[in-house]
Amino acid sequence: MNKKPVPYKKTVFVCTNAREGGRVACGNPGRGGLELCEALKHAVKEKGLKGKVRIARSGCLDLCEQGPNAFIYPGDEWLSGVTAADVPEIIKKLAE
């Protein structure tokens, strides 16, 4: 194992988990998890944060009913019920 410094200032993990039948999931059609992830990736690139901020797809974060869910690391910030309308505010926090 090689230990290296963390390559990004911040990482945003966005739940894109989808499941059929039963319990709702952030990545299910109409829930917005996948769209949110793509919107954040686009905004990071557009604002010149690529290489500093990483947007990563996540599996289930286990608060599906409150989703789409994401969390910012480091920073201990959990976001629930996130929509594309929240992207500018999230990007502003990431640029700080």
N, C-alpha and C. Protein backbone atom coordinates (compact mmCIF):
# COMPACT_ATOMS: atom_id res chain seq x y z
N MET A 1 0.85 -1.18 0.00
CA MET A 1 0.00 0.00 0.00
C MET A 1 0.89 1.23 0.00
N ASN A 2 0.55 2.19 -0.86
CA ASN A 2 1.24 3.47 -0.92
C ASN A 2 0.35 4.55 -0.36
N LYS A 3 0.83 5.27 0.62
CA LYS A 3 0.06 6.38 1.18
C LYS A 3 0.44 7.65 0.44
N LYS A 4 -0.59 8.40 0.04
CA LYS A 4 -0.38 9.64 -0.69
C LYS A 4 -1.27 10.71 -0.09
N PRO A 5 -0.96 11.97 -0.33
CA PRO A 5 -1.85 13.03 0.15
C PRO A 5 -3.18 12.98 -0.59
N VAL A 6 -4.22 13.46 0.07
CA VAL A 6 -5.55 13.50 -0.55
C VAL A 6 -5.47 14.43 -1.76
N PRO A 7 -5.89 13.94 -2.93
CA PRO A 7 -5.73 14.74 -4.15
C PRO A 7 -6.76 15.86 -4.33
N TYR A 8 -7.82 15.88 -3.54
CA TYR A 8 -8.86 16.88 -3.70
C TYR A 8 -9.07 17.64 -2.40
N LYS A 9 -9.41 18.91 -2.53
CA LYS A 9 -9.72 19.73 -1.37
C LYS A 9 -11.03 19.27 -0.73
N LYS A 10 -12.01 18.95 -1.56
CA LYS A 10 -13.33 18.48 -1.10
C LYS A 10 -13.81 17.38 -2.03
N THR A 11 -14.60 16.46 -1.47
CA THR A 11 -15.28 15.44 -2.25
C THR A 11 -16.75 15.47 -1.86
N VAL A 12 -17.61 15.46 -2.86
CA VAL A 12 -19.05 15.39 -2.61
C VAL A 12 -19.52 14.03 -3.07
N PHE A 13 -20.04 13.24 -2.13
CA PHE A 13 -20.59 11.94 -2.43
C PHE A 13 -22.10 12.10 -2.63
N VAL A 14 -22.59 11.73 -3.81
CA VAL A 14 -24.00 11.89 -4.16
C VAL A 14 -24.61 10.49 -4.33
N CYS A 15 -25.66 10.21 -3.58
CA CYS A 15 -26.31 8.91 -3.71
C CYS A 15 -26.99 8.80 -5.06
N THR A 16 -26.62 7.76 -5.79
CA THR A 16 -27.25 7.47 -7.08
C THR A 16 -27.81 6.05 -7.07
N ASN A 17 -27.99 5.51 -5.88
CA ASN A 17 -28.51 4.15 -5.74
C ASN A 17 -29.93 4.05 -6.30
N ALA A 18 -30.18 3.00 -7.04
CA ALA A 18 -31.52 2.73 -7.57
C ALA A 18 -31.92 1.32 -7.17
N ARG A 19 -33.19 1.14 -6.91
CA ARG A 19 -33.69 -0.21 -6.61
C ARG A 19 -35.08 -0.36 -7.18
N GLU A 20 -35.41 -1.57 -7.53
CA GLU A 20 -36.72 -1.85 -8.10
C GLU A 20 -37.68 -2.32 -7.01
N GLY A 21 -38.90 -1.81 -7.06
CA GLY A 21 -39.95 -2.23 -6.12
C GLY A 21 -39.59 -1.91 -4.68
N GLY A 22 -40.56 -1.80 -3.85
CA GLY A 22 -40.31 -1.58 -2.44
C GLY A 22 -39.82 -0.19 -2.09
N ARG A 23 -38.78 -0.14 -1.29
CA ARG A 23 -38.27 1.11 -0.75
C ARG A 23 -37.78 2.07 -1.83
N VAL A 24 -38.09 3.34 -1.65
CA VAL A 24 -37.66 4.40 -2.55
C VAL A 24 -36.13 4.53 -2.50
N ALA A 25 -35.51 5.04 -3.56
CA ALA A 25 -34.07 5.25 -3.60
C ALA A 25 -33.75 6.55 -4.33
N CYS A 26 -32.65 7.17 -3.96
CA CYS A 26 -32.26 8.47 -4.52
C CYS A 26 -32.07 8.45 -6.03
N GLY A 27 -31.61 7.31 -6.57
CA GLY A 27 -31.34 7.22 -8.00
C GLY A 27 -32.49 6.68 -8.82
N ASN A 28 -33.62 6.40 -8.20
CA ASN A 28 -34.77 5.92 -8.96
C ASN A 28 -35.30 7.01 -9.89
N PRO A 29 -35.94 6.63 -11.00
CA PRO A 29 -36.50 7.63 -11.90
C PRO A 29 -37.41 8.60 -11.15
N GLY A 30 -37.21 9.88 -11.44
CA GLY A 30 -38.02 10.92 -10.82
C GLY A 30 -37.52 11.40 -9.47
N ARG A 31 -36.51 10.73 -8.90
CA ARG A 31 -35.99 11.12 -7.58
C ARG A 31 -34.87 12.16 -7.70
N GLY A 32 -34.09 12.12 -8.77
CA GLY A 32 -33.12 13.18 -9.03
C GLY A 32 -31.68 12.95 -8.64
N GLY A 33 -31.35 11.81 -8.06
CA GLY A 33 -29.97 11.57 -7.64
C GLY A 33 -28.97 11.60 -8.78
N LEU A 34 -29.28 10.92 -9.87
CA LEU A 34 -28.38 10.91 -11.03
C LEU A 34 -28.25 12.30 -11.65
N GLU A 35 -29.37 12.99 -11.78
CA GLU A 35 -29.37 14.33 -12.36
C GLU A 35 -28.58 15.30 -11.49
N LEU A 36 -28.73 15.17 -10.18
CA LEU A 36 -27.98 16.01 -9.25
C LEU A 36 -26.48 15.79 -9.40
N CYS A 37 -26.08 14.55 -9.47
CA CYS A 37 -24.67 14.22 -9.63
C CYS A 37 -24.10 14.85 -10.90
N GLU A 38 -24.81 14.70 -12.00
CA GLU A 38 -24.35 15.27 -13.27
C GLU A 38 -24.32 16.79 -13.24
N ALA A 39 -25.32 17.41 -12.61
CA ALA A 39 -25.35 18.88 -12.51
C ALA A 39 -24.17 19.39 -11.68
N LEU A 40 -23.84 18.70 -10.61
CA LEU A 40 -22.69 19.10 -9.79
C LEU A 40 -21.38 18.94 -10.55
N LYS A 41 -21.24 17.83 -11.28
CA LYS A 41 -20.03 17.62 -12.09
C LYS A 41 -19.86 18.74 -13.11
N HIS A 42 -20.96 19.09 -13.78
CA HIS A 42 -20.92 20.15 -14.78
C HIS A 42 -20.54 21.49 -14.13
N ALA A 43 -21.14 21.80 -12.99
CA ALA A 43 -20.87 23.07 -12.31
C ALA A 43 -19.43 23.15 -11.81
N VAL A 44 -18.89 22.04 -11.32
CA VAL A 44 -17.50 22.03 -10.87
C VAL A 44 -16.57 22.36 -12.04
N LYS A 45 -16.83 21.75 -13.17
CA LYS A 45 -16.02 22.01 -14.36
C LYS A 45 -16.17 23.47 -14.81
N GLU A 46 -17.41 23.93 -14.85
CA GLU A 46 -17.71 25.29 -15.31
C GLU A 46 -17.07 26.36 -14.41
N LYS A 47 -17.00 26.11 -13.12
CA LYS A 47 -16.46 27.09 -12.17
C LYS A 47 -14.95 26.95 -11.96
N GLY A 48 -14.32 26.08 -12.73
CA GLY A 48 -12.87 25.92 -12.64
C GLY A 48 -12.40 25.20 -11.39
N LEU A 49 -13.25 24.36 -10.83
CA LEU A 49 -12.90 23.64 -9.61
C LEU A 49 -12.42 22.21 -9.88
N LYS A 50 -12.40 21.82 -11.14
CA LYS A 50 -11.96 20.47 -11.49
C LYS A 50 -10.51 20.30 -11.04
N GLY A 51 -10.23 19.18 -10.40
CA GLY A 51 -8.90 18.93 -9.84
C GLY A 51 -8.80 19.36 -8.38
N LYS A 52 -9.75 20.18 -7.93
CA LYS A 52 -9.80 20.62 -6.54
C LYS A 52 -10.98 19.98 -5.81
N VAL A 53 -12.08 19.79 -6.55
CA VAL A 53 -13.31 19.23 -6.00
C VAL A 53 -13.68 18.00 -6.83
N ARG A 54 -14.02 16.94 -6.14
CA ARG A 54 -14.43 15.70 -6.82
C ARG A 54 -15.89 15.41 -6.49
N ILE A 55 -16.69 15.18 -7.52
CA ILE A 55 -18.08 14.75 -7.34
C ILE A 55 -18.08 13.25 -7.62
N ALA A 56 -18.51 12.48 -6.63
CA ALA A 56 -18.46 11.02 -6.76
C ALA A 56 -19.82 10.41 -6.51
N ARG A 57 -20.18 9.44 -7.35
CA ARG A 57 -21.41 8.68 -7.13
C ARG A 57 -21.23 7.81 -5.90
N SER A 58 -22.29 7.69 -5.15
CA SER A 58 -22.28 6.87 -3.96
C SER A 58 -23.39 5.84 -4.05
N GLY A 59 -23.18 4.73 -3.39
CA GLY A 59 -24.25 3.77 -3.20
C GLY A 59 -25.19 4.31 -2.13
N CYS A 60 -26.05 3.48 -1.64
CA CYS A 60 -27.07 3.88 -0.68
C CYS A 60 -26.46 4.51 0.57
N LEU A 61 -26.99 5.67 0.94
CA LEU A 61 -26.57 6.35 2.17
C LEU A 61 -27.58 6.13 3.29
N ASP A 62 -28.62 5.35 3.02
CA ASP A 62 -29.58 4.84 3.99
C ASP A 62 -30.55 5.86 4.60
N LEU A 63 -30.72 6.98 3.96
CA LEU A 63 -31.78 7.93 4.34
C LEU A 63 -32.61 8.22 3.10
N CYS A 64 -32.97 7.16 2.41
CA CYS A 64 -33.59 7.22 1.09
C CYS A 64 -34.83 8.12 1.04
N GLU A 65 -35.66 8.03 2.04
CA GLU A 65 -36.91 8.79 2.03
C GLU A 65 -36.66 10.30 2.10
N GLN A 66 -35.50 10.70 2.56
CA GLN A 66 -35.17 12.13 2.67
C GLN A 66 -34.39 12.63 1.46
N GLY A 67 -34.10 11.76 0.52
CA GLY A 67 -33.19 12.07 -0.59
C GLY A 67 -33.79 12.89 -1.70
N PRO A 68 -32.95 13.17 -2.67
CA PRO A 68 -31.59 12.74 -2.84
C PRO A 68 -30.67 13.26 -1.72
N ASN A 69 -29.72 12.42 -1.35
CA ASN A 69 -28.78 12.73 -0.29
C ASN A 69 -27.38 12.87 -0.86
N ALA A 70 -26.60 13.72 -0.18
CA ALA A 70 -25.19 13.91 -0.52
C ALA A 70 -24.46 14.32 0.74
N PHE A 71 -23.16 14.10 0.75
CA PHE A 71 -22.39 14.67 1.84
C PHE A 71 -21.05 15.17 1.33
N ILE A 72 -20.58 16.22 2.00
CA ILE A 72 -19.34 16.89 1.63
C ILE A 72 -18.26 16.44 2.61
N TYR A 73 -17.15 15.98 2.05
CA TYR A 73 -16.04 15.55 2.88
C TYR A 73 -14.76 16.21 2.41
N PRO A 74 -13.89 16.69 3.26
CA PRO A 74 -14.15 16.88 4.68
C PRO A 74 -15.12 18.04 4.89
N GLY A 75 -15.64 18.11 6.04
CA GLY A 75 -16.57 19.17 6.36
C GLY A 75 -17.76 18.70 7.14
N ASP A 76 -17.97 17.39 7.16
CA ASP A 76 -19.06 16.83 7.96
C ASP A 76 -20.40 17.49 7.66
N GLU A 77 -20.66 17.74 6.40
CA GLU A 77 -21.93 18.37 6.02
C GLU A 77 -22.77 17.38 5.22
N TRP A 78 -23.97 17.08 5.74
CA TRP A 78 -24.91 16.17 5.12
C TRP A 78 -26.02 16.98 4.48
N LEU A 79 -26.39 16.65 3.25
CA LEU A 79 -27.44 17.37 2.53
C LEU A 79 -28.53 16.38 2.14
N SER A 80 -29.77 16.71 2.46
CA SER A 80 -30.91 15.86 2.10
C SER A 80 -31.93 16.67 1.32
N GLY A 81 -32.69 15.99 0.48
CA GLY A 81 -33.71 16.66 -0.32
C GLY A 81 -33.10 17.64 -1.31
N VAL A 82 -31.92 17.32 -1.79
CA VAL A 82 -31.18 18.21 -2.68
C VAL A 82 -31.77 18.15 -4.08
N THR A 83 -31.86 19.31 -4.72
CA THR A 83 -32.32 19.40 -6.11
C THR A 83 -31.30 20.18 -6.93
N ALA A 84 -31.51 20.20 -8.23
CA ALA A 84 -30.62 20.96 -9.12
C ALA A 84 -30.62 22.44 -8.75
N ALA A 85 -31.70 22.94 -8.18
CA ALA A 85 -31.77 24.34 -7.77
C ALA A 85 -30.78 24.66 -6.65
N ASP A 86 -30.33 23.63 -5.92
CA ASP A 86 -29.38 23.82 -4.83
C ASP A 86 -27.92 23.83 -5.30
N VAL A 87 -27.67 23.46 -6.53
CA VAL A 87 -26.32 23.33 -7.04
C VAL A 87 -25.50 24.62 -6.89
N PRO A 88 -26.01 25.80 -7.26
CA PRO A 88 -25.21 27.02 -7.09
C PRO A 88 -24.75 27.25 -5.64
N GLU A 89 -25.62 27.00 -4.69
CA GLU A 89 -25.25 27.18 -3.28
C GLU A 89 -24.20 26.18 -2.85
N ILE A 90 -24.32 24.94 -3.31
CA ILE A 90 -23.34 23.91 -2.98
C ILE A 90 -21.98 24.27 -3.59
N ILE A 91 -21.97 24.69 -4.83
CA ILE A 91 -20.73 25.07 -5.50
C ILE A 91 -20.07 26.24 -4.80
N LYS A 92 -20.86 27.18 -4.34
CA LYS A 92 -20.33 28.34 -3.60
C LYS A 92 -19.60 27.86 -2.34
N LYS A 93 -20.19 26.91 -1.62
CA LYS A 93 -19.54 26.35 -0.42
C LYS A 93 -18.24 25.64 -0.78
N LEU A 94 -18.26 24.92 -1.88
CA LEU A 94 -17.07 24.16 -2.29
C LEU A 94 -15.93 25.06 -2.72
N ALA A 95 -16.25 26.24 -3.22
CA ALA A 95 -15.23 27.17 -3.71
C ALA A 95 -14.56 27.94 -2.57
N GLU A 96 -15.14 27.88 -1.39
CA GLU A 96 -14.58 28.64 -0.25
C GLU A 96 -13.22 28.13 0.14
